[in-house]
Amino acid sequence: SIYRGRRNLITDLPDYAAYVKKLTDLREQYHDFFYHGTFCLSNDYVLPKGCHLGEFHWCGKTLFTLWNDTGTPVSLTIANQSIDISTQDVAVLVI
C-alpha cells in the first residue's frame, strides 16, 4: 500500500478507499479464478503503453484482468470483445 506507515486512515482518503473496495469486490466476485485457477499469458495482445493484462484460467473459462495505468481513457479489443477502461481504472472480461 502506498499509504503504509502514514498516519492517515483509509476513511480520510475516500477515492482511494473506493478503489480498494472495487478491487476487493472483484477479487471476491471472481474468487475461483484467483484462488483455484491458473495465471497464464497465452495470448499476444498488443496493449497501449501503460495498460496491463492478466489472464487466469479455471474450469474451461478465461478471465482477463485489465488495468489502465494512464491519464487517458482507453478502448481495447480482447478476445473480440470491446472494452472501455477509464483513467486509472480496472476492468475484467470472462470468456
Protein backbone atom coordinates (compact mmCIF):
# COMPACT_ATOMS: atom_id res chain seq x y z
CA SER A 1 0.00 0.00 0.00
CA ILE A 2 1.27 3.43 -0.85
CA TYR A 3 -0.07 4.73 2.45
CA ARG A 4 1.57 2.13 4.71
CA GLY A 5 3.29 3.75 7.65
CA ARG A 6 1.45 7.02 7.32
CA ARG A 7 -0.93 8.37 9.91
CA ASN A 8 -3.89 8.71 7.55
CA LEU A 9 -6.84 6.38 7.88
CA ILE A 10 -8.44 4.87 4.78
CA THR A 11 -11.57 6.85 5.71
CA ASP A 12 -9.55 10.04 5.23
CA LEU A 13 -8.94 9.04 1.59
CA PRO A 14 -12.37 8.36 0.07
CA ASP A 15 -11.21 7.97 -3.55
CA TYR A 16 -8.51 5.52 -2.54
CA ALA A 17 -10.95 3.66 -0.27
CA ALA A 18 -13.44 3.31 -3.14
CA TYR A 19 -10.71 1.98 -5.45
CA VAL A 20 -9.53 -0.59 -2.90
CA LYS A 21 -13.16 -1.64 -2.31
CA LYS A 22 -13.66 -2.11 -6.05
CA LEU A 23 -10.56 -4.32 -6.29
CA THR A 24 -11.60 -6.33 -3.24
CA ASP A 25 -15.11 -6.80 -4.62
CA LEU A 26 -13.70 -8.01 -7.95
CA ARG A 27 -11.43 -10.45 -6.11
CA GLU A 28 -14.44 -11.88 -4.28
CA GLN A 29 -16.67 -11.92 -7.36
CA TYR A 30 -14.07 -13.89 -9.33
CA HIS A 31 -12.75 -15.84 -6.33
CA ASP A 32 -12.48 -19.16 -8.15
CA PHE A 33 -10.26 -17.75 -10.91
CA PHE A 34 -7.88 -16.08 -8.47
CA TYR A 35 -7.69 -18.82 -5.85
CA HIS A 36 -8.27 -22.04 -7.82
CA GLY A 37 -7.34 -21.01 -11.35
CA THR A 38 -4.03 -20.73 -13.13
CA PHE A 39 -2.30 -17.47 -14.06
CA CYS A 40 -1.18 -17.63 -17.66
CA LEU A 41 -0.36 -15.34 -20.55
CA SER A 42 -1.22 -17.41 -23.59
CA ASN A 43 -2.20 -14.52 -25.86
CA ASP A 44 -0.11 -11.84 -27.51
CA TYR A 45 -2.41 -8.83 -27.24
CA VAL A 46 -0.88 -5.50 -28.16
CA LEU A 47 -1.83 -3.02 -25.48
CA PRO A 48 -1.34 0.73 -25.33
CA LYS A 49 1.58 1.90 -23.21
CA GLY A 50 0.53 1.96 -19.56
CA CYS A 51 -2.12 -0.75 -19.92
CA HIS A 52 -1.59 -4.14 -18.30
CA LEU A 53 -3.25 -7.51 -18.81
CA GLY A 54 -3.53 -10.58 -16.60
CA GLU A 55 -5.06 -13.87 -17.67
CA PHE A 56 -6.47 -16.60 -15.43
CA HIS A 57 -7.86 -19.99 -16.48
CA TRP A 58 -10.35 -22.02 -14.46
CA CYS A 59 -12.83 -24.77 -15.48
CA GLY A 60 -12.55 -24.07 -19.20
CA LYS A 61 -13.11 -20.31 -18.85
CA THR A 62 -10.68 -17.41 -19.11
CA LEU A 63 -10.71 -14.26 -17.00
CA PHE A 64 -8.81 -11.27 -18.35
CA THR A 65 -7.91 -8.51 -15.92
CA LEU A 66 -7.08 -5.16 -17.44
CA TRP A 67 -5.59 -2.10 -15.77
CA ASN A 68 -5.37 1.31 -17.40
CA ASP A 69 -2.47 2.97 -15.56
CA THR A 70 -2.60 6.12 -17.69
CA GLY A 71 -4.21 9.53 -17.56
CA THR A 72 -6.38 8.84 -20.61
CA PRO A 73 -9.38 6.53 -21.09
CA VAL A 74 -8.65 3.65 -23.47
CA SER A 75 -10.67 1.35 -25.71
CA LEU A 76 -9.33 -2.15 -26.25
CA THR A 77 -10.37 -5.28 -28.06
CA ILE A 78 -9.66 -8.50 -26.18
CA ALA A 79 -10.96 -11.84 -27.44
CA ASN A 80 -13.14 -10.00 -29.99
CA GLN A 81 -14.80 -8.00 -27.18
CA SER A 82 -14.59 -4.21 -26.99
CA ILE A 83 -13.68 -2.84 -23.57
CA ASP A 84 -13.56 0.79 -22.47
CA ILE A 85 -11.46 1.50 -19.40
CA SER A 86 -11.47 4.84 -17.64
CA THR A 87 -8.36 6.61 -16.45
CA GLN A 88 -6.57 4.72 -13.65
CA ASP A 89 -9.24 2.01 -13.63
CA VAL A 90 -9.57 -1.75 -13.97
CA ALA A 91 -11.89 -4.00 -15.95
CA VAL A 92 -12.48 -7.73 -16.23
CA LEU A 93 -13.68 -9.92 -19.06
CA VAL A 94 -14.72 -13.56 -18.77
CA ILE A 95 -14.98 -15.75 -21.86
